[in-house]
């Protein structure tokens, strides 16, 4: 499995409702592509958020976002050191 970090930019700042809607839209597709959400973080100003996923490869995370038209600022596979 690959750990994938996705950074999102929010303008206007992310609301709890918008976050819930994004998660509700994205989760079923992530499950189809065998992607598990491990953690989510939101900056204190709510303009940036980060999600950490586990997936067979980064392309599955990219595909799930594309199908649901959920944009992101950066996406990269990482490894623990």
PDB file of N, CA and C in Angstrom:
ATOM      1  N   UNK A   1       0.846  -1.188   0.000  1.00  0.00           N
ATOM      2  CA  UNK A   1       0.000   0.000   0.000  1.00  0.00           C
ATOM      3  C   UNK A   1       0.882   1.239   0.000  1.00  0.00           C
ATOM      4  N   UNK A   2       0.338   2.293  -0.557  1.00  0.00           N
ATOM      5  CA  UNK A   2       1.038   3.564  -0.657  1.00  0.00           C
ATOM      6  C   UNK A   2       0.310   4.603   0.188  1.00  0.00           C
ATOM      7  N   UNK A   3       1.053   5.398   0.922  1.00  0.00           N
ATOM      8  CA  UNK A   3       0.481   6.533   1.643  1.00  0.00           C
ATOM      9  C   UNK A   3       0.501   7.717   0.697  1.00  0.00           C
ATOM     10  N   UNK A   4      -0.648   8.382   0.573  1.00  0.00           N
ATOM     11  CA  UNK A   4      -0.789   9.516  -0.335  1.00  0.00           C
ATOM     12  C   UNK A   4      -1.289  10.711   0.465  1.00  0.00           C
ATOM     13  N   UNK A   5      -0.587  11.824   0.350  1.00  0.00           N
ATOM     14  CA  UNK A   5      -0.984  13.068   1.013  1.00  0.00           C
ATOM     15  C   UNK A   5      -1.613  13.980  -0.040  1.00  0.00           C
ATOM     16  N   UNK A   6      -2.784  14.513   0.288  1.00  0.00           N
ATOM     17  CA  UNK A   6      -3.469  15.435  -0.612  1.00  0.00           C
ATOM     18  C   UNK A   6      -3.693  16.741   0.136  1.00  0.00           C
ATOM     19  N   UNK A   7      -3.250  17.838  -0.484  1.00  0.00           N
ATOM     20  CA  UNK A   7      -3.451  19.168   0.081  1.00  0.00           C
ATOM     21  C   UNK A   7      -4.534  19.867  -0.719  1.00  0.00           C
ATOM     22  N   UNK A   8      -5.479  20.471  -0.016  1.00  0.00           N
ATOM     23  CA  UNK A   8      -6.590  21.198  -0.625  1.00  0.00           C
ATOM     24  C   UNK A   8      -6.487  22.672  -0.252  1.00  0.00           C
ATOM     25  N   UNK A   9      -6.864  23.541  -1.167  1.00  0.00           N
ATOM     26  CA  UNK A   9      -6.921  24.983  -0.902  1.00  0.00           C
ATOM     27  C   UNK A   9      -8.388  25.400  -0.931  1.00  0.00           C
ATOM     28  N   UNK A  10      -8.799  26.201   0.047  1.00  0.00           N
ATOM     29  CA  UNK A  10     -10.204  26.591   0.174  1.00  0.00           C
ATOM     30  C   UNK A  10     -10.341  28.112   0.176  1.00  0.00           C
ATOM     31  N   UNK A  11     -11.091  28.617  -0.787  1.00  0.00           N
ATOM     32  CA  UNK A  11     -11.390  30.046  -0.851  1.00  0.00           C
ATOM     33  C   UNK A  11     -12.812  30.194  -1.365  1.00  0.00           C
ATOM     34  N   UNK A  12     -13.745  30.470  -0.504  1.00  0.00           N
ATOM     35  CA  UNK A  12     -13.640  30.936   0.878  1.00  0.00           C
ATOM     36  C   UNK A  12     -13.213  29.797   1.815  1.00  0.00           C
ATOM     37  N   UNK A  13     -12.910  30.150   3.065  1.00  0.00           N
ATOM     38  CA  UNK A  13     -12.490  29.128   4.031  1.00  0.00           C
ATOM     39  C   UNK A  13     -13.512  27.986   4.147  1.00  0.00           C
ATOM     40  N   UNK A  14     -12.999  26.819   4.420  1.00  0.00           N
ATOM     41  CA  UNK A  14     -13.798  25.603   4.515  1.00  0.00           C
ATOM     42  C   UNK A  14     -14.747  25.654   5.712  1.00  0.00           C
ATOM     43  N   UNK A  15     -16.012  25.378   5.463  1.00  0.00           N
ATOM     44  CA  UNK A  15     -16.990  25.275   6.549  1.00  0.00           C
ATOM     45  C   UNK A  15     -17.153  23.802   6.917  1.00  0.00           C
ATOM     46  N   UNK A  16     -17.721  23.554   8.081  1.00  0.00           N
ATOM     47  CA  UNK A  16     -17.991  22.172   8.477  1.00  0.00           C
ATOM     48  C   UNK A  16     -18.943  21.503   7.485  1.00  0.00           C
ATOM     49  N   UNK A  17     -19.911  22.268   6.992  1.00  0.00           N
ATOM     50  CA  UNK A  17     -20.876  21.728   6.038  1.00  0.00           C
ATOM     51  C   UNK A  17     -20.206  21.358   4.718  1.00  0.00           C
ATOM     52  N   UNK A  18     -19.310  22.223   4.239  1.00  0.00           N
ATOM     53  CA  UNK A  18     -18.603  21.950   2.984  1.00  0.00           C
ATOM     54  C   UNK A  18     -17.690  20.731   3.126  1.00  0.00           C
ATOM     55  N   UNK A  19     -17.042  20.606   4.274  1.00  0.00           N
ATOM     56  CA  UNK A  19     -16.191  19.446   4.521  1.00  0.00           C
ATOM     57  C   UNK A  19     -17.032  18.173   4.535  1.00  0.00           C
ATOM     58  N   UNK A  20     -18.155  18.204   5.216  1.00  0.00           N
ATOM     59  CA  UNK A  20     -19.032  17.033   5.277  1.00  0.00           C
ATOM     60  C   UNK A  20     -19.530  16.648   3.881  1.00  0.00           C
ATOM     61  N   UNK A  21     -19.861  17.643   3.063  1.00  0.00           N
ATOM     62  CA  UNK A  21     -20.322  17.371   1.702  1.00  0.00           C
ATOM     63  C   UNK A  21     -19.212  16.751   0.860  1.00  0.00           C
ATOM     64  N   UNK A  22     -17.989  17.269   0.987  1.00  0.00           N
ATOM     65  CA  UNK A  22     -16.866  16.724   0.232  1.00  0.00           C
ATOM     66  C   UNK A  22     -16.614  15.276   0.631  1.00  0.00           C
ATOM     67  N   UNK A  23     -16.613  15.005   1.920  1.00  0.00           N
ATOM     68  CA  UNK A  23     -16.372  13.650   2.415  1.00  0.00           C
ATOM     69  C   UNK A  23     -17.487  12.711   1.935  1.00  0.00           C
ATOM     70  N   UNK A  24     -18.730  13.164   2.018  1.00  0.00           N
ATOM     71  CA  UNK A  24     -19.859  12.334   1.591  1.00  0.00           C
ATOM     72  C   UNK A  24     -19.803  12.026   0.097  1.00  0.00           C
ATOM     73  N   UNK A  25     -19.345  12.971  -0.691  1.00  0.00           N
ATOM     74  CA  UNK A  25     -19.236  12.767  -2.133  1.00  0.00           C
ATOM     75  C   UNK A  25     -18.084  11.837  -2.475  1.00  0.00           C
ATOM     76  N   UNK A  26     -16.959  12.037  -1.834  1.00  0.00           N
ATOM     77  CA  UNK A  26     -15.731  11.324  -2.191  1.00  0.00           C
ATOM     78  C   UNK A  26     -15.649   9.907  -1.622  1.00  0.00           C
ATOM     79  N   UNK A  27     -16.172   9.680  -0.436  1.00  0.00           N
ATOM     80  CA  UNK A  27     -15.982   8.400   0.261  1.00  0.00           C
ATOM     81  C   UNK A  27     -16.445   7.176  -0.529  1.00  0.00           C
ATOM     82  N   UNK A  28     -17.638   7.163  -1.107  1.00  0.00           N
ATOM     83  CA  UNK A  28     -18.045   5.958  -1.849  1.00  0.00           C
ATOM     84  C   UNK A  28     -17.095   5.622  -3.005  1.00  0.00           C
ATOM     85  N   UNK A  29     -16.608   6.622  -3.698  1.00  0.00           N
ATOM     86  CA  UNK A  29     -15.695   6.394  -4.810  1.00  0.00           C
ATOM     87  C   UNK A  29     -14.337   5.899  -4.302  1.00  0.00           C
ATOM     88  N   UNK A  30     -13.881   6.464  -3.204  1.00  0.00           N
ATOM     89  CA  UNK A  30     -12.628   5.997  -2.619  1.00  0.00           C
ATOM     90  C   UNK A  30     -12.731   4.515  -2.261  1.00  0.00           C
ATOM     91  N   UNK A  31     -13.861   4.118  -1.722  1.00  0.00           N
ATOM     92  CA  UNK A  31     -14.052   2.719  -1.356  1.00  0.00           C
ATOM     93  C   UNK A  31     -13.993   1.810  -2.578  1.00  0.00           C
ATOM     94  N   UNK A  32     -14.599   2.230  -3.675  1.00  0.00           N
ATOM     95  CA  UNK A  32     -14.562   1.449  -4.920  1.00  0.00           C
ATOM     96  C   UNK A  32     -13.125   1.255  -5.386  1.00  0.00           C
ATOM     97  N   UNK A  33     -12.306   2.278  -5.250  1.00  0.00           N
ATOM     98  CA  UNK A  33     -10.909   2.222  -5.690  1.00  0.00           C
ATOM     99  C   UNK A  33      -9.959   1.716  -4.602  1.00  0.00           C
ATOM    100  N   UNK A  34     -10.533   1.191  -3.523  1.00  0.00           N
ATOM    101  CA  UNK A  34      -9.762   0.592  -2.425  1.00  0.00           C
ATOM    102  C   UNK A  34      -8.813   1.589  -1.758  1.00  0.00           C
ATOM    103  N   UNK A  35      -9.321   2.798  -1.569  1.00  0.00           N
ATOM    104  CA  UNK A  35      -8.559   3.870  -0.913  1.00  0.00           C
ATOM    105  C   UNK A  35      -9.172   4.105   0.466  1.00  0.00           C
ATOM    106  N   UNK A  36      -8.345   4.112   1.491  1.00  0.00           N
ATOM    107  CA  UNK A  36      -8.809   4.346   2.857  1.00  0.00           C
ATOM    108  C   UNK A  36      -8.302   5.704   3.346  1.00  0.00           C
ATOM    109  N   UNK A  37      -9.184   6.474   3.947  1.00  0.00           N
ATOM    110  CA  UNK A  37      -8.789   7.743   4.548  1.00  0.00           C
ATOM    111  C   UNK A  37      -8.207   7.447   5.923  1.00  0.00           C
ATOM    112  N   UNK A  38      -7.003   7.919   6.165  1.00  0.00           N
ATOM    113  CA  UNK A  38      -6.342   7.684   7.448  1.00  0.00           C
ATOM    114  C   UNK A  38      -6.467   8.863   8.400  1.00  0.00           C
ATOM    115  N   UNK A  39      -6.372  10.079   7.853  1.00  0.00           N
ATOM    116  CA  UNK A  39      -6.418  11.260   8.721  1.00  0.00           C
ATOM    117  C   UNK A  39      -6.779  12.478   7.892  1.00  0.00           C
ATOM    118  N   UNK A  40      -7.421  13.454   8.517  1.00  0.00           N
ATOM    119  CA  UNK A  40      -7.699  14.752   7.890  1.00  0.00           C
ATOM    120  C   UNK A  40      -7.273  15.842   8.850  1.00  0.00           C
ATOM    121  N   UNK A  41      -6.735  16.906   8.275  1.00  0.00           N
ATOM    122  CA  UNK A  41      -6.334  18.077   9.062  1.00  0.00           C
ATOM    123  C   UNK A  41      -6.868  19.317   8.367  1.00  0.00           C
ATOM    124  N   UNK A  42      -7.270  20.296   9.166  1.00  0.00           N
ATOM    125  CA  UNK A  42      -7.716  21.586   8.642  1.00  0.00           C
ATOM    126  C   UNK A  42      -6.916  22.668   9.346  1.00  0.00           C
ATOM    127  N   UNK A  43      -6.363  23.603   8.569  1.00  0.00           N
ATOM    128  CA  UNK A  43      -5.599  24.693   9.172  1.00  0.00           C
ATOM    129  C   UNK A  43      -6.525  25.559  10.028  1.00  0.00           C
ATOM    130  N   UNK A  44      -5.947  26.272  10.954  1.00  0.00           N
ATOM    131  CA  UNK A  44      -6.744  27.096  11.863  1.00  0.00           C
ATOM    132  C   UNK A  44      -7.536  28.173  11.128  1.00  0.00           C
ATOM    133  N   UNK A  45      -7.011  28.672  10.001  1.00  0.00           N
ATOM    134  CA  UNK A  45      -7.766  29.667   9.231  1.00  0.00           C
ATOM    135  C   UNK A  45      -8.735  29.020   8.241  1.00  0.00           C
ATOM    136  N   UNK A  46      -8.729  27.684   8.179  1.00  0.00           N
ATOM    137  CA  UNK A  46      -9.637  26.872   7.363  1.00  0.00           C
ATOM    138  C   UNK A  46      -9.463  27.102   5.853  1.00  0.00           C
ATOM    139  N   UNK A  47      -8.325  27.646   5.452  1.00  0.00           N
ATOM    140  CA  UNK A  47      -8.048  27.861   4.027  1.00  0.00           C
ATOM    141  C   UNK A  47      -7.256  26.712   3.395  1.00  0.00           C
ATOM    142  N   UNK A  48      -6.716  25.844   4.227  1.00  0.00           N
ATOM    143  CA  UNK A  48      -5.954  24.697   3.748  1.00  0.00           C
ATOM    144  C   UNK A  48      -6.378  23.473   4.538  1.00  0.00           C
ATOM    145  N   UNK A  49      -6.495  22.358   3.849  1.00  0.00           N
ATOM    146  CA  UNK A  49      -6.718  21.099   4.541  1.00  0.00           C
ATOM    147  C   UNK A  49      -5.843  20.035   3.898  1.00  0.00           C
ATOM    148  N   UNK A  50      -5.578  19.003   4.662  1.00  0.00           N
ATOM    149  CA  UNK A  50      -4.745  17.903   4.201  1.00  0.00           C
ATOM    150  C   UNK A  50      -5.447  16.606   4.570  1.00  0.00           C
ATOM    151  N   UNK A  51      -5.436  15.673   3.634  1.00  0.00           N
ATOM    152  CA  UNK A  51      -5.953  14.334   3.897  1.00  0.00           C
ATOM    153  C   UNK A  51      -4.843  13.331   3.618  1.00  0.00           C
ATOM    154  N   UNK A  52      -4.785  12.312   4.446  1.00  0.00           N
ATOM    155  CA  UNK A  52      -3.811  11.247   4.267  1.00  0.00           C
ATOM    156  C   UNK A  52      -4.590   9.976   3.943  1.00  0.00           C
ATOM    157  N   UNK A  53      -4.229   9.374   2.817  1.00  0.00           N
ATOM    158  CA  UNK A  53      -4.907   8.180   2.331  1.00  0.00           C
ATOM    159  C   UNK A  53      -3.928   7.019   2.234  1.00  0.00           C
ATOM    160  N   UNK A  54      -4.457   5.808   2.301  1.00  0.00           N
ATOM    161  CA  UNK A  54      -3.708   4.588   1.995  1.00  0.00           C
ATOM    162  C   UNK A  54      -4.376   3.989   0.768  1.00  0.00           C
ATOM    163  N   UNK A  55      -3.573   3.687  -0.254  1.00  0.00           N
ATOM    164  CA  UNK A  55      -4.115   3.182  -1.509  1.00  0.00           C
ATOM    165  C   UNK A  55      -3.113   2.243  -2.169  1.00  0.00           C
ATOM    166  N   UNK A  56      -3.581   1.392  -3.072  1.00  0.00           N
ATOM    167  CA  UNK A  56      -2.644   0.559  -3.809  1.00  0.00           C
ATOM    168  C   UNK A  56      -1.630   1.390  -4.599  1.00  0.00           C
ATOM    169  N   UNK A  57      -2.068   2.553  -5.102  1.00  0.00           N
ATOM    170  CA  UNK A  57      -1.167   3.486  -5.783  1.00  0.00           C
ATOM    171  C   UNK A  57      -1.823   4.865  -5.821  1.00  0.00           C
ATOM    172  N   UNK A  58      -1.021   5.891  -6.067  1.00  0.00           N
ATOM    173  CA  UNK A  58      -1.513   7.280  -6.042  1.00  0.00           C
ATOM    174  C   UNK A  58      -2.543   7.552  -7.130  1.00  0.00           C
ATOM    175  N   UNK A  59      -2.459   6.838  -8.246  1.00  0.00           N
ATOM    176  CA  UNK A  59      -3.397   7.098  -9.346  1.00  0.00           C
ATOM    177  C   UNK A  59      -4.840   6.817  -8.947  1.00  0.00           C
ATOM    178  N   UNK A  60      -5.058   5.918  -8.027  1.00  0.00           N
ATOM    179  CA  UNK A  60      -6.428   5.641  -7.575  1.00  0.00           C
ATOM    180  C   UNK A  60      -7.011   6.835  -6.810  1.00  0.00           C
ATOM    181  N   UNK A  61      -6.178   7.495  -6.047  1.00  0.00           N
ATOM    182  CA  UNK A  61      -6.623   8.692  -5.333  1.00  0.00           C
ATOM    183  C   UNK A  61      -6.930   9.800  -6.332  1.00  0.00           C
ATOM    184  N   UNK A  62      -6.049   9.971  -7.304  1.00  0.00           N
ATOM    185  CA  UNK A  62      -6.252  10.975  -8.354  1.00  0.00           C
ATOM    186  C   UNK A  62      -7.539  10.699  -9.128  1.00  0.00           C
ATOM    187  N   UNK A  63      -7.758   9.456  -9.487  1.00  0.00           N
ATOM    188  CA  UNK A  63      -8.953   9.083 -10.253  1.00  0.00           C
ATOM    189  C   UNK A  63     -10.230   9.362  -9.472  1.00  0.00           C
ATOM    190  N   UNK A  64     -10.251   8.991  -8.204  1.00  0.00           N
ATOM    191  CA  UNK A  64     -11.449   9.224  -7.386  1.00  0.00           C
ATOM    192  C   UNK A  64     -11.773  10.711  -7.292  1.00  0.00           C
ATOM    193  N   UNK A  65     -10.750  11.540  -7.146  1.00  0.00           N
ATOM    194  CA  UNK A  65     -10.980  12.985  -7.097  1.00  0.00           C
ATOM    195  C   UNK A  65     -11.487  13.500  -8.450  1.00  0.00           C
ATOM    196  N   UNK A  66     -10.914  13.008  -9.526  1.00  0.00           N
ATOM    197  CA  UNK A  66     -11.324  13.450 -10.856  1.00  0.00           C
ATOM    198  C   UNK A  66     -12.756  13.074 -11.188  1.00  0.00           C
ATOM    199  N   UNK A  67     -13.142  11.860 -10.870  1.00  0.00           N
ATOM    200  CA  UNK A  67     -14.509  11.401 -11.132  1.00  0.00           C
ATOM    201  C   UNK A  67     -15.511  12.283 -10.403  1.00  0.00           C
ATOM    202  N   UNK A  68     -15.177  12.686  -9.199  1.00  0.00           N
ATOM    203  CA  UNK A  68     -16.095  13.499  -8.382  1.00  0.00           C
ATOM    204  C   UNK A  68     -15.880  14.995  -8.532  1.00  0.00           C
ATOM    205  N   UNK A  69     -14.960  15.359  -9.429  1.00  0.00           N
ATOM    206  CA  UNK A  69     -14.655  16.773  -9.683  1.00  0.00           C
ATOM    207  C   UNK A  69     -14.292  17.520  -8.405  1.00  0.00           C
ATOM    208  N   UNK A  70     -13.474  16.871  -7.594  1.00  0.00           N
ATOM    209  CA  UNK A  70     -12.967  17.497  -6.379  1.00  0.00           C
ATOM    210  C   UNK A  70     -11.507  17.845  -6.640  1.00  0.00           C
ATOM    211  N   UNK A  71     -11.241  19.142  -6.703  1.00  0.00           N
ATOM    212  CA  UNK A  71      -9.891  19.598  -6.991  1.00  0.00           C
ATOM    213  C   UNK A  71      -9.014  19.589  -5.752  1.00  0.00           C
ATOM    214  N   UNK A  72      -7.728  19.616  -5.992  1.00  0.00           N
ATOM    215  CA  UNK A  72      -6.766  19.668  -4.901  1.00  0.00           C
ATOM    216  C   UNK A  72      -5.571  20.500  -5.349  1.00  0.00           C
ATOM    217  N   UNK A  73      -4.839  21.013  -4.379  1.00  0.00           N
ATOM    218  CA  UNK A  73      -3.679  21.850  -4.682  1.00  0.00           C
ATOM    219  C   UNK A  73      -2.454  21.000  -5.003  1.00  0.00           C
ATOM    220  N   UNK A  74      -2.215  19.958  -4.208  1.00  0.00           N
ATOM    221  CA  UNK A  74      -1.065  19.073  -4.398  1.00  0.00           C
ATOM    222  C   UNK A  74      -1.436  17.665  -3.977  1.00  0.00           C
ATOM    223  N   UNK A  75      -0.792  16.707  -4.616  1.00  0.00           N
ATOM    224  CA  UNK A  75      -0.968  15.314  -4.259  1.00  0.00           C
ATOM    225  C   UNK A  75       0.372  14.629  -4.427  1.00  0.00           C
ATOM    226  N   UNK A  76       0.811  13.907  -3.398  1.00  0.00           N
ATOM    227  CA  UNK A  76       2.076  13.211  -3.540  1.00  0.00           C
ATOM    228  C   UNK A  76       2.088  11.943  -2.687  1.00  0.00           C
ATOM    229  N   UNK A  77       2.687  10.875  -3.232  1.00  0.00           N
ATOM    230  CA  UNK A  77       2.911   9.667  -2.439  1.00  0.00           C
ATOM    231  C   UNK A  77       4.118   9.893  -1.530  1.00  0.00           C
ATOM    232  N   UNK A  78       4.034   9.348  -0.321  1.00  0.00           N
ATOM    233  CA  UNK A  78       5.109   9.545   0.654  1.00  0.00           C
ATOM    234  C   UNK A  78       5.483   8.215   1.292  1.00  0.00           C
ATOM    235  N   UNK A  79       6.576   8.221   1.999  1.00  0.00           N
ATOM    236  CA  UNK A  79       7.006   7.068   2.777  1.00  0.00           C
ATOM    237  C   UNK A  79       7.489   7.547   4.145  1.00  0.00           C
ATOM    238  N   UNK A  80       7.309   6.699   5.127  1.00  0.00           N
ATOM    239  CA  UNK A  80       7.776   7.025   6.481  1.00  0.00           C
ATOM    240  C   UNK A  80       9.282   6.868   6.536  1.00  0.00           C
ATOM    241  N   UNK A  81       9.941   7.729   7.301  1.00  0.00           N
ATOM    242  CA  UNK A  81      11.398   7.637   7.457  1.00  0.00           C
ATOM    243  C   UNK A  81      11.758   7.479   8.911  1.00  0.00           C
TER     244      UNK A  81
END
